[in-house]
Amino acid sequence: MHSSWPRRGVYAITPDETDDARLLARVDAVLGAGAVWLQYRNKAADAATRERQATALLPLCRRYGVPLIVNDDWRLAARIGADGAHLGEDDGDVAAARQALGTGAILGVSCYDQGALARDAVAAGADYVAFGAFFPSPTKPHARRASLQLLRDAAPLAVPRVAIGGITPDNAPALVAAGADLLAVISGVFDAPDPAAAVRAYRACFDVAPTSPL
């Protein structure tokens, strides 16, 4: 992973959006408010739509200096020249994705509620590990639940730790204090009445949360 990419902050994940222009406008507001990473995710779209939307997001992300990470599909990420990919447990082999994407790409892996998955992912070449859901999430209401201790225990892996799942500006400081480097949010930002204000509220959590002792 390029050392120039920020390692702390708001990791915005796109909602399922059918209108390309509306997607770009929504993302523009969020990046303008200070989100540091963007993941393109659209579970409802077909392959052609995903490729078109992800490609359209690239110049927007370049303008803000924010890496574009493609969810689920490292082949799509490689094809369009995205900055990286994020893999869930059914999205293929981490080592194969790393080899295909090269050393400069960001490769993230969902580790849910399992520290062992995180250790395996880093050993296979992951640049960051994501844990969650920490709180009930409207996006994944039945997701496995992760504990704050999981974030603390993953500190020796020495890669950014991403927290996801029902995160709000009210509960986020506890996650940051436990070691979360990036707060991944979908509905908390994109469904907010003012998404830009929501991003700023999440960003503020990094200013107030103390660093947790290891």
Protein backbone atom coordinates (compact mmCIF):
# COMPACT_ATOMS: atom_id res chain seq x y z
CA MET A 1 0.00 0.00 0.00
CA HIS A 2 1.33 3.42 -0.89
CA SER A 3 2.66 5.09 2.22
CA SER A 4 1.17 8.37 1.05
CA TRP A 5 -2.41 7.21 1.62
CA PRO A 6 -3.88 8.39 4.93
CA ARG A 7 -4.22 5.67 7.53
CA ARG A 8 -6.84 7.28 9.74
CA GLY A 9 -10.23 8.83 9.13
CA VAL A 10 -13.59 8.24 7.49
CA TYR A 11 -13.83 5.37 5.01
CA ALA A 12 -16.99 6.08 3.01
CA ILE A 13 -18.73 3.17 1.29
CA THR A 14 -21.17 3.91 -1.50
CA PRO A 15 -24.84 2.97 -1.19
CA ASP A 16 -26.70 0.97 -3.84
CA GLU A 17 -27.46 3.80 -6.27
CA THR A 18 -29.02 3.30 -9.70
CA ASP A 19 -28.54 6.87 -10.97
CA ASP A 20 -24.92 7.48 -11.99
CA ALA A 21 -25.14 11.27 -11.83
CA ARG A 22 -26.75 11.14 -8.41
CA LEU A 23 -24.07 8.72 -7.19
CA LEU A 24 -21.31 11.08 -8.29
CA ALA A 25 -23.02 14.07 -6.68
CA ARG A 26 -23.51 12.22 -3.41
CA VAL A 27 -19.91 11.02 -3.33
CA ASP A 28 -18.61 14.48 -4.27
CA ALA A 29 -20.25 15.98 -1.18
CA VAL A 30 -18.78 13.29 1.07
CA LEU A 31 -15.26 13.53 -0.30
CA GLY A 32 -15.44 17.30 -0.14
CA ALA A 33 -16.24 17.04 3.57
CA GLY A 34 -13.07 15.06 4.23
CA ALA A 35 -13.64 11.33 3.80
CA VAL A 36 -10.16 9.88 3.27
CA TRP A 37 -11.00 6.60 1.47
CA LEU A 38 -13.87 5.55 -0.77
CA GLN A 39 -15.12 2.05 -1.40
CA TYR A 40 -17.34 1.45 -4.39
CA ARG A 41 -20.00 -1.05 -3.40
CA ASN A 42 -23.26 -1.80 -5.19
CA LYS A 43 -24.80 -5.15 -4.32
CA ALA A 44 -27.89 -4.53 -6.43
CA ALA A 45 -26.23 -3.66 -9.75
CA ASP A 46 -25.25 -5.88 -12.64
CA ALA A 47 -21.64 -6.21 -13.78
CA ALA A 48 -21.92 -3.60 -16.53
CA THR A 49 -23.39 -1.03 -14.15
CA ARG A 50 -20.71 -1.69 -11.55
CA GLU A 51 -17.95 -1.23 -14.08
CA ARG A 52 -19.51 1.96 -15.45
CA GLN A 53 -20.07 3.48 -12.01
CA ALA A 54 -16.66 2.51 -10.63
CA THR A 55 -14.96 3.95 -13.71
CA ALA A 56 -16.92 7.20 -13.33
CA LEU A 57 -15.84 7.52 -9.69
CA LEU A 58 -12.13 7.30 -10.51
CA PRO A 59 -11.56 10.89 -11.72
CA LEU A 60 -13.62 12.21 -8.81
CA CYS A 61 -11.44 10.33 -6.34
CA ARG A 62 -8.30 11.52 -8.14
CA ARG A 63 -9.46 15.10 -7.81
CA TYR A 64 -9.71 14.74 -4.04
CA GLY A 65 -6.61 12.58 -3.67
CA VAL A 66 -8.69 9.76 -2.21
CA PRO A 67 -8.06 6.10 -3.06
CA LEU A 68 -10.88 4.24 -4.79
CA ILE A 69 -11.29 0.69 -3.52
CA VAL A 70 -13.63 -1.75 -5.27
CA ASN A 71 -15.70 -4.07 -3.11
CA ASP A 72 -15.83 -7.81 -3.82
CA ASP A 73 -14.18 -7.77 -7.25
CA TRP A 74 -10.41 -7.41 -7.53
CA ARG A 75 -10.60 -8.19 -11.24
CA LEU A 76 -12.79 -5.13 -11.79
CA ALA A 77 -10.39 -3.07 -9.68
CA ALA A 78 -7.47 -4.18 -11.82
CA ARG A 79 -9.34 -3.63 -15.07
CA ILE A 80 -10.26 0.00 -14.39
CA GLY A 81 -7.06 0.95 -12.59
CA ALA A 82 -8.65 1.48 -9.17
CA ASP A 83 -6.38 1.93 -6.18
CA GLY A 84 -7.36 -1.32 -4.54
CA ALA A 85 -9.95 -3.93 -3.70
CA HIS A 86 -11.79 -5.19 -0.64
CA LEU A 87 -12.51 -8.88 -0.27
CA GLY A 88 -15.13 -10.63 1.83
CA GLU A 89 -14.96 -14.28 2.78
CA ASP A 90 -16.44 -15.44 -0.54
CA ASP A 91 -14.55 -13.08 -2.85
CA GLY A 92 -11.51 -15.18 -3.69
CA ASP A 93 -8.01 -15.86 -2.48
CA VAL A 94 -6.19 -12.98 -0.83
CA ALA A 95 -2.75 -14.05 -2.02
CA ALA A 96 -3.97 -14.40 -5.62
CA ALA A 97 -5.54 -10.95 -5.48
CA ARG A 98 -2.33 -9.48 -4.11
CA GLN A 99 -0.30 -11.06 -6.87
CA ALA A 100 -2.68 -9.81 -9.54
CA LEU A 101 -2.99 -6.26 -8.19
CA GLY A 102 0.68 -5.74 -7.42
CA THR A 103 2.35 -4.35 -4.34
CA GLY A 104 1.17 -0.75 -4.81
CA ALA A 105 -2.54 -1.51 -4.57
CA ILE A 106 -4.56 -1.37 -1.35
CA LEU A 107 -5.95 -4.78 -0.46
CA GLY A 108 -8.42 -5.05 2.40
CA VAL A 109 -10.11 -8.07 3.87
CA SER A 110 -13.28 -8.48 5.93
CA CYS A 111 -12.45 -10.42 9.10
CA TYR A 112 -15.87 -10.10 10.77
CA ASP A 113 -15.49 -11.19 14.41
CA GLN A 114 -12.38 -13.34 14.00
CA GLY A 115 -8.85 -12.36 14.90
CA ALA A 116 -7.49 -15.50 13.23
CA LEU A 117 -8.90 -14.38 9.89
CA ALA A 118 -7.08 -11.07 10.30
CA ARG A 119 -3.75 -12.77 11.00
CA ASP A 120 -4.18 -15.01 7.97
CA ALA A 121 -5.17 -12.07 5.77
CA VAL A 122 -2.11 -10.02 6.70
CA ALA A 123 0.13 -13.04 6.16
CA ALA A 124 -1.38 -13.41 2.67
CA GLY A 125 -0.73 -9.77 1.79
CA ALA A 126 -3.64 -7.70 3.10
CA ASP A 127 -2.92 -4.02 3.74
CA TYR A 128 -5.78 -3.56 6.18
CA VAL A 129 -8.27 -5.67 8.08
CA ALA A 130 -11.92 -4.83 8.69
CA PHE A 131 -13.88 -5.99 11.72
CA GLY A 132 -17.61 -5.79 12.37
CA ALA A 133 -20.42 -5.38 12.72
CA PHE A 134 -19.81 -3.57 15.99
CA PHE A 135 -23.38 -2.31 16.28
CA PRO A 136 -26.70 -3.18 14.62
CA SER A 137 -26.48 -2.10 10.98
CA PRO A 138 -29.33 -1.27 8.62
CA THR A 139 -27.17 -2.49 5.73
CA LYS A 140 -26.53 -5.90 7.26
CA PRO A 141 -29.04 -6.40 10.08
CA HIS A 142 -28.01 -10.01 10.72
CA ALA A 143 -24.25 -9.54 10.55
CA ARG A 144 -21.97 -11.18 13.07
CA ARG A 145 -21.05 -8.90 15.95
CA ALA A 146 -17.48 -7.95 16.77
CA SER A 147 -16.08 -6.74 20.10
CA LEU A 148 -13.90 -3.79 20.97
CA GLN A 149 -11.32 -6.23 22.29
CA LEU A 150 -10.87 -7.54 18.76
CA LEU A 151 -9.55 -4.14 17.69
CA ARG A 152 -7.13 -4.03 20.60
CA ASP A 153 -5.90 -7.56 19.97
CA ALA A 154 -5.19 -6.79 16.30
CA ALA A 155 -2.75 -3.98 17.08
CA PRO A 156 0.36 -6.21 16.69
CA LEU A 157 -0.59 -6.86 13.06
CA ALA A 158 0.65 -3.31 12.37
CA VAL A 159 -1.86 -2.60 9.59
CA PRO A 160 -4.80 -0.19 9.66
CA ARG A 161 -7.82 -1.58 11.49
CA VAL A 162 -11.19 -0.74 9.97
CA ALA A 163 -14.38 -0.78 12.02
CA ILE A 164 -17.74 -1.22 10.30
CA GLY A 165 -21.35 -1.83 11.21
CA GLY A 166 -23.87 0.59 12.69
CA ILE A 167 -21.25 3.22 13.55
CA THR A 168 -22.55 6.64 14.58
CA PRO A 169 -20.72 9.76 15.75
CA ASP A 170 -21.94 8.87 19.25
CA ASN A 171 -20.50 5.35 19.41
CA ALA A 172 -17.45 5.93 17.19
CA PRO A 173 -15.14 7.40 19.87
CA ALA A 174 -15.10 4.08 21.73
CA LEU A 175 -14.00 2.34 18.52
CA VAL A 176 -11.23 4.87 17.91
CA ALA A 177 -10.09 4.54 21.51
CA ALA A 178 -9.91 0.76 21.06
CA GLY A 179 -7.69 1.16 18.01
CA ALA A 180 -9.90 1.67 14.95
CA ASP A 181 -7.90 3.62 12.38
CA LEU A 182 -10.70 3.96 9.84
CA LEU A 183 -14.44 4.18 10.40
CA ALA A 184 -16.30 2.55 7.51
CA VAL A 185 -19.77 3.97 7.04
CA ILE A 186 -22.53 3.65 4.46
CA SER A 187 -25.93 4.67 5.80
CA GLY A 188 -24.44 6.79 8.59
CA VAL A 189 -23.17 9.15 5.91
CA PHE A 190 -25.23 8.65 2.78
CA ASP A 191 -28.60 8.38 4.51
CA ALA A 192 -27.92 11.34 6.79
CA PRO A 193 -29.94 14.54 6.21
CA ASP A 194 -26.64 16.33 5.55
CA PRO A 195 -23.97 13.81 4.47
CA ALA A 196 -21.17 16.38 4.54
CA ALA A 197 -22.02 17.32 8.13
CA ALA A 198 -22.10 13.63 9.02
CA VAL A 199 -18.59 13.15 7.68
CA ARG A 200 -17.36 16.08 9.74
CA ALA A 201 -19.00 14.60 12.85
CA TYR A 202 -17.22 11.28 12.29
CA ARG A 203 -13.93 13.06 11.64
CA ALA A 204 -14.25 14.85 14.96
CA CYS A 205 -14.24 11.47 16.74
CA PHE A 206 -10.57 11.12 15.90
CA ASP A 207 -9.83 14.39 17.67
CA VAL A 208 -11.50 13.52 20.96
CA ALA A 209 -10.87 9.81 21.39
CA PRO A 210 -7.79 8.93 23.43
CA THR A 211 -5.40 6.35 22.06
CA SER A 212 -5.98 3.04 23.79
CA PRO A 213 -3.12 1.48 25.74
CA LEU A 214 -1.98 -1.81 24.26
